[in-house]
Protein backbone atom coordinates (compact mmCIF):
# COMPACT_ATOMS: atom_id res chain seq x y z
CA MET A 1 100.74 92.41 83.06
CA SER A 2 102.37 95.75 83.66
CA VAL A 3 105.19 97.49 81.81
CA LYS A 4 107.57 99.64 83.84
CA VAL A 5 110.12 101.94 82.20
CA ASN A 6 112.96 103.44 84.26
CA VAL A 7 114.91 106.40 82.84
CA ALA A 8 117.89 107.37 85.00
CA SER A 9 121.54 108.39 85.19
CA ASN A 10 124.51 106.19 85.89
CA PHE A 11 127.04 109.03 85.77
CA PRO A 12 129.85 108.16 88.22
CA GLN A 13 130.10 111.17 90.49
CA ILE A 14 129.45 113.48 87.53
CA ALA A 15 129.35 116.64 89.63
CA GLU A 16 132.90 116.06 90.85
CA GLN A 17 134.20 115.08 87.41
CA LEU A 18 132.89 118.12 85.58
CA GLY A 19 133.60 120.71 88.21
CA SER A 20 132.48 124.17 87.18
CA VAL A 21 130.02 122.98 84.53
CA SER A 22 128.24 120.55 86.84
CA LYS A 23 125.63 123.11 87.92
CA ASP A 24 124.62 123.78 84.30
CA ILE A 25 124.41 120.06 83.60
CA GLU A 26 122.49 119.34 86.80
CA THR A 27 119.93 121.94 85.73
CA LYS A 28 119.54 120.62 82.20
CA TYR A 29 119.78 116.88 82.79
CA PRO A 30 116.30 116.35 84.34
CA LEU A 31 114.72 117.94 81.24
CA TYR A 32 116.38 115.30 79.06
CA VAL A 33 115.19 112.53 81.37
CA ARG A 34 111.60 113.81 81.17
CA GLN A 35 111.84 114.12 77.38
CA CYS A 36 113.13 110.57 77.09
CA ALA A 37 110.45 109.15 79.40
CA ALA A 38 107.75 111.02 77.48
CA SER A 39 109.12 109.83 74.12
CA ILE A 40 109.07 106.22 75.29
CA CYS A 41 105.51 106.52 76.62
CA HIS A 42 104.43 108.17 73.36
CA GLU A 43 106.02 105.50 71.19
CA LEU A 44 104.53 102.71 73.31
CA LEU A 45 101.14 104.43 73.11
CA ARG A 46 101.38 104.38 69.31
CA ARG A 47 102.12 100.64 69.44
CA SER A 48 99.39 99.75 71.92
CA TYR A 49 96.17 97.90 71.32
CA PRO A 50 93.61 98.59 70.09
CA ALA A 51 95.23 99.38 66.75
CA VAL A 52 93.78 99.87 63.30
CA GLY A 53 93.82 96.51 61.55
CA ASN A 54 94.77 94.96 64.92
CA ASN A 55 98.38 95.64 63.94
CA PRO A 56 100.42 97.48 66.61
CA GLU A 57 103.14 98.20 64.05
CA ALA A 58 100.66 100.42 62.21
CA LEU A 59 101.44 102.99 64.95
CA THR A 60 97.79 103.93 65.36
CA GLY A 61 97.40 103.21 69.08
CA GLY A 62 95.63 106.02 70.89
CA THR A 63 93.82 107.29 67.80
CA ASP A 64 90.10 107.53 67.03
CA GLY A 65 90.60 104.83 64.41
CA ALA A 66 92.09 102.53 67.04
CA MET A 67 89.12 103.08 69.33
CA LYS A 68 86.72 102.21 66.50
CA GLN A 69 88.75 99.07 65.83
CA GLY A 70 88.54 98.12 69.50
CA GLU A 71 84.79 98.58 69.51
CA ALA A 72 84.47 96.49 66.35
CA ASN A 73 86.65 93.77 67.93
CA ILE A 74 84.39 93.59 70.97
CA ARG A 75 81.22 93.49 68.90
CA ARG A 76 82.60 90.67 66.75
CA ASP A 77 83.93 88.77 69.76
CA VAL A 78 80.72 88.97 71.79
CA ASN A 79 78.56 87.96 68.82
CA GLN A 80 80.81 84.95 68.23
CA ILE A 81 80.33 83.81 71.80
CA PHE A 82 76.71 84.70 72.55
CA GLY A 83 73.52 84.10 70.66
CA ALA A 84 69.89 84.97 71.34
CA ALA A 85 67.02 82.52 71.73
CA SER A 86 65.53 84.07 68.60
CA ASP A 87 68.50 82.72 66.62
CA LEU A 88 67.20 79.19 67.21
CA ARG A 89 64.17 77.35 65.91
CA ALA A 90 61.13 76.33 67.92
CA GLY A 91 62.15 72.67 67.65
CA ASP A 92 65.65 73.46 68.94
CA LEU A 93 64.23 75.13 72.05
CA LEU A 94 61.68 72.38 72.63
CA MET A 95 64.29 69.61 72.40
CA ALA A 96 66.58 71.54 74.72
CA GLY A 97 63.82 71.70 77.31
CA ARG A 98 63.61 75.49 77.03
CA ALA A 99 59.97 75.93 76.07
CA ASP A 100 60.06 78.99 78.35
CA LEU A 101 62.09 80.75 75.67
CA LEU A 102 59.64 80.13 72.84
CA LYS A 103 58.00 83.49 73.53
CA ASN A 104 61.37 85.11 72.69
CA LEU A 105 61.37 83.84 69.10
CA ASN A 106 59.80 87.04 67.80
CA LYS A 107 58.96 85.45 64.47
CA GLN A 108 55.86 84.03 62.85
CA ILE A 109 55.72 80.24 62.56
CA ASP A 110 53.87 78.83 59.58
CA TRP A 111 52.33 75.74 61.17
CA LYS A 112 51.36 73.08 58.63
CA SER A 113 49.15 71.32 61.17
CA ASP A 114 46.07 72.90 62.71
CA VAL A 115 46.58 70.68 65.75
CA LEU A 116 50.11 72.02 66.32
CA LYS A 117 48.97 75.56 65.60
CA LEU A 118 46.34 75.23 68.29
CA ALA A 119 48.85 73.68 70.70
CA TRP A 120 51.16 76.65 70.07
CA GLU A 121 48.37 79.16 70.63
CA GLU A 122 47.32 77.44 73.85
CA GLY A 123 50.88 76.98 75.11
CA ASP A 124 50.67 73.19 75.11
CA TYR A 125 54.43 72.75 74.79
CA ASN A 126 54.38 69.09 75.80
CA GLN A 127 52.24 68.24 72.78
CA LEU A 128 54.59 70.28 70.60
CA PHE A 129 57.62 68.52 72.12
CA GLN A 130 56.17 65.09 71.37
CA ALA A 131 55.30 66.11 67.82
CA PHE A 132 58.79 67.41 67.09
CA LYS A 133 60.37 64.35 68.71
CA LYS A 134 58.25 62.07 66.55
CA LYS A 135 59.50 63.98 63.50
CA GLY A 136 63.07 63.10 64.49
CA TRP A 137 64.19 66.29 66.21
CA GLN A 138 66.91 65.81 68.82
CA ASP A 139 68.59 67.87 71.51
CA GLY A 140 71.27 69.94 69.77
CA GLY A 141 73.39 70.33 72.91
CA TYR A 142 72.89 74.07 73.05
CA GLU A 143 74.11 75.93 76.12
CA PHE A 144 71.92 78.56 77.74
CA ALA A 145 72.49 81.29 80.30
CA GLU A 146 70.36 83.94 81.95
CA GLU A 147 72.57 86.70 80.54
CA PRO A 148 76.01 87.30 78.99
CA THR A 149 78.80 87.58 81.58
CA LEU A 150 82.54 88.20 81.60
CA LYS A 151 83.05 84.76 83.15
CA LEU A 152 81.23 83.06 80.30
CA GLN A 153 83.14 85.14 77.76
CA ALA A 154 86.46 84.22 79.36
CA SER A 155 85.53 80.52 79.39
CA ARG A 156 85.55 80.58 75.57
CA ARG A 157 89.17 81.74 75.47
CA ASN A 158 92.46 79.97 75.96
CA PRO A 159 93.64 81.29 79.37
CA GLU A 160 97.26 81.34 78.20
CA THR A 161 96.90 83.02 74.82
CA GLY A 162 93.53 84.77 75.09
CA ILE A 163 92.58 83.31 71.70
CA LEU A 164 89.05 82.02 71.15
CA LYS A 165 88.79 78.25 71.45
CA LYS A 166 87.83 76.61 68.17
CA PRO A 167 85.20 75.72 67.35
CA VAL A 168 83.39 78.40 69.34
CA LYS A 169 80.46 76.95 71.25
CA LYS A 170 77.87 79.69 71.60
CA VAL A 171 75.97 80.45 74.76
CA TYR A 172 72.34 81.43 74.14
CA VAL A 173 70.57 84.04 76.26
CA LYS A 174 67.00 85.31 76.33
CA SER A 175 67.20 88.26 73.99
CA ARG A 176 69.31 90.17 71.50
CA GLY A 177 68.87 93.22 73.74
CA GLN A 178 70.86 91.52 76.50
CA ILE A 179 73.73 90.95 74.10
CA GLU A 180 73.69 94.54 72.89
CA SER A 181 73.71 95.86 76.46
CA PHE A 182 76.67 93.62 77.26
CA ILE A 183 78.50 94.89 74.18
CA GLN A 184 77.96 98.50 75.24
CA GLU A 185 79.35 97.76 78.71
CA ARG A 186 82.39 96.00 77.24
CA ILE A 187 83.03 98.94 74.90
CA LYS A 188 83.39 101.15 77.96
CA SER A 189 86.54 99.18 78.86
CA VAL A 190 88.25 99.72 75.50
CA GLY A 191 91.57 101.56 75.71
CA LYS A 192 93.08 100.29 78.97
CA MET A 193 96.45 99.45 77.43
CA ALA A 194 96.82 102.73 75.58
CA GLY A 195 95.11 104.70 78.35
CA GLY A 196 97.88 103.90 80.80
CA TRP A 197 100.44 105.59 78.56
CA VAL A 198 98.07 108.53 78.08
CA GLN A 199 98.02 109.01 81.86
CA CYS A 200 101.81 108.73 82.05
CA LEU A 201 102.18 111.36 79.33
CA GLN A 202 99.79 113.68 81.11
CA ALA A 203 101.81 113.30 84.29
CA LEU A 204 104.91 114.23 82.29
CA GLY A 205 103.28 117.38 80.93
CA ARG A 206 102.26 116.05 77.52
CA THR A 207 98.65 116.17 76.30
CA PRO A 208 97.76 113.30 73.94
CA SER A 209 94.74 113.93 71.72
CA GLY A 210 92.92 110.74 72.67
CA LYS A 211 91.63 110.03 76.18
CA MET A 212 90.95 106.31 75.63
CA ASN A 213 87.56 106.48 77.37
CA GLY A 214 89.42 107.66 80.47
CA ASN A 215 90.59 104.07 80.99
CA GLY A 216 93.98 102.78 81.99
CA GLU A 217 96.27 102.86 85.01
CA GLY A 218 99.45 104.81 84.37
CA THR A 219 101.68 106.39 87.00
CA VAL A 220 104.92 108.35 87.03
CA GLU A 221 107.37 108.29 89.93
CA ILE A 222 110.20 110.81 90.15
CA TYR A 223 113.27 110.34 92.30
CA GLY A 224 116.60 112.03 92.85
CA SER A 225 117.70 115.43 91.56
CA GLY A 226 120.31 116.89 89.25
CA THR A 227 122.35 114.12 87.68
CA THR A 228 120.67 111.49 89.87
CA TYR A 229 117.23 112.52 88.64
CA GLY A 230 115.18 109.57 87.42
CA ILE A 231 111.66 108.70 86.30
CA VAL A 232 109.75 105.44 86.51
CA ALA A 233 106.68 105.34 84.27
CA THR A 234 104.40 102.37 84.93
CA ASN A 235 101.46 101.21 82.82
CA LYS A 236 99.64 98.49 84.75
CA ASN A 237 98.00 97.19 81.57
CA GLY A 238 100.89 97.94 79.22
CA ASP A 239 101.24 94.28 78.27
CA PHE A 240 97.65 93.16 78.86
CA SER A 241 97.34 89.38 78.37
CA ARG A 242 100.97 89.55 77.17
CA MET A 243 99.71 90.87 73.84
CA LEU A 244 102.86 92.91 73.21
CA SER A 245 105.32 90.36 74.61
CA LYS A 246 104.93 88.38 71.42
CA THR A 247 105.91 91.35 69.24
CA GLY A 248 109.11 92.51 70.96
CA LEU A 249 108.02 96.09 70.30
CA VAL A 250 108.51 97.29 73.89
CA GLU A 251 112.16 96.26 73.96
CA LYS A 252 112.71 97.71 70.49
CA VAL A 253 111.27 101.09 71.50
CA ILE A 254 113.33 101.22 74.68
CA GLN A 255 116.56 100.34 72.89
CA GLU A 256 115.99 102.96 70.20
CA GLU A 257 115.03 105.70 72.66
CA ALA A 258 117.91 104.77 74.98
CA LEU A 259 120.39 105.39 72.17
CA LYS A 260 118.79 108.74 71.35
CA PHE A 261 118.77 109.69 75.03
CA THR A 262 122.43 108.83 75.47
CA GLU A 263 123.52 110.79 72.42
CA LYS A 264 121.46 113.85 73.40
CA VAL A 265 122.86 113.86 76.93
CA ARG A 266 126.41 113.40 75.68
CA GLU A 267 125.92 116.33 73.31
CA MET A 268 124.40 118.47 76.07
CA ILE A 269 127.32 117.77 78.41
CA ALA A 270 129.89 118.42 75.71
CA ASN A 271 128.19 121.71 74.76
CA SER A 272 127.98 122.80 78.39
CA PHE A 273 131.62 121.97 78.91
CA ARG A 274 132.72 123.81 75.75
CA SER A 275 130.62 126.89 76.46
CA GLN A 276 131.81 127.29 80.01
CA VAL A 277 135.41 126.12 80.05
CA GLY A 278 136.31 126.13 76.39
CA LYS A 279 137.46 122.54 76.27
CA GLY A 280 136.14 119.00 76.11
CA GLY A 281 135.49 116.86 79.11
CA GLY A 282 134.48 113.42 80.24
CA VAL A 283 130.93 112.39 79.48
CA GLY A 284 129.06 109.96 81.69
CA GLY A 285 126.36 107.46 80.78
CA THR A 286 122.62 106.99 80.90
CA SER A 287 120.29 104.14 81.63
CA VAL A 288 116.85 103.24 80.33
CA ALA A 289 115.34 100.00 81.53
CA LYS A 290 112.17 97.99 81.16
CA GLU A 291 111.25 95.95 84.19
CA THR A 292 108.69 93.20 83.72
CA ASP A 293 108.07 90.44 86.24
CA GLY A 294 111.59 90.69 87.60
CA LEU A 295 113.23 90.96 84.17
CA ASP A 296 115.38 94.07 83.73
CA THR A 297 116.25 94.89 80.13
CA THR A 298 118.61 97.85 80.03
CA GLY A 299 119.66 100.09 77.17
CA GLY A 300 122.14 102.97 77.26
CA SER A 301 125.81 103.48 77.91
């Protein structure tokens, strides 16, 4: 889910109202719009996931600590969902009909029976199966897959909330190495939410310290000029899985920055008017809006 922030002017014919000072204001106004757009992107970056302690209000989004937290989250998540054949016992694999995975156990079995030891050495898994069955072993209902996949990972999550379904039913694959390789690939995707704001900031002339693995999809669109100058900054993954919708932090940031923007522009206009004509004048308004799925939340005056 994307987050789109629109910073613009709603001055009613400001050039005509302010006469001789309009040129000065038209020159300065776009700078204030860019500053406001950059401030919003920066504040949303700080509140993006991953965040230290998985708390966006810690204002650590976009930091090295946040990236480490994201990597730790993925490692924990993947290991909750996937297991290796070596995590199971020989009897578990035999009862599950996966004798082909016995060679992946990578551990010494202390056979109490010479007959079973010989069967193991000769690969007589049917004899082993019958022996374990006679001892009361049953199929544990384990699920197996050739390798870890994004589809399997997603199947363990609630599609609406993204939260792991409880209890988590593990999927077992051939080896621990497969799981580690999958983790490393997933780590490469860390930072998409924050990375979009990083790209927006770069487009606005700011250079954040973190690159977020180069991930994210952030764009900046500029329209108009002078007092009609506006900027739309869009982060395609700004509300990934609606993770920030639940916090209300996006709206809070926009409202706070909209007030600052309005006051700064009012002050700039008043100063321009005083310096050039020696008297006060009418001051127009500003608009900062968040547009999400057709919803337009506007702050300003």
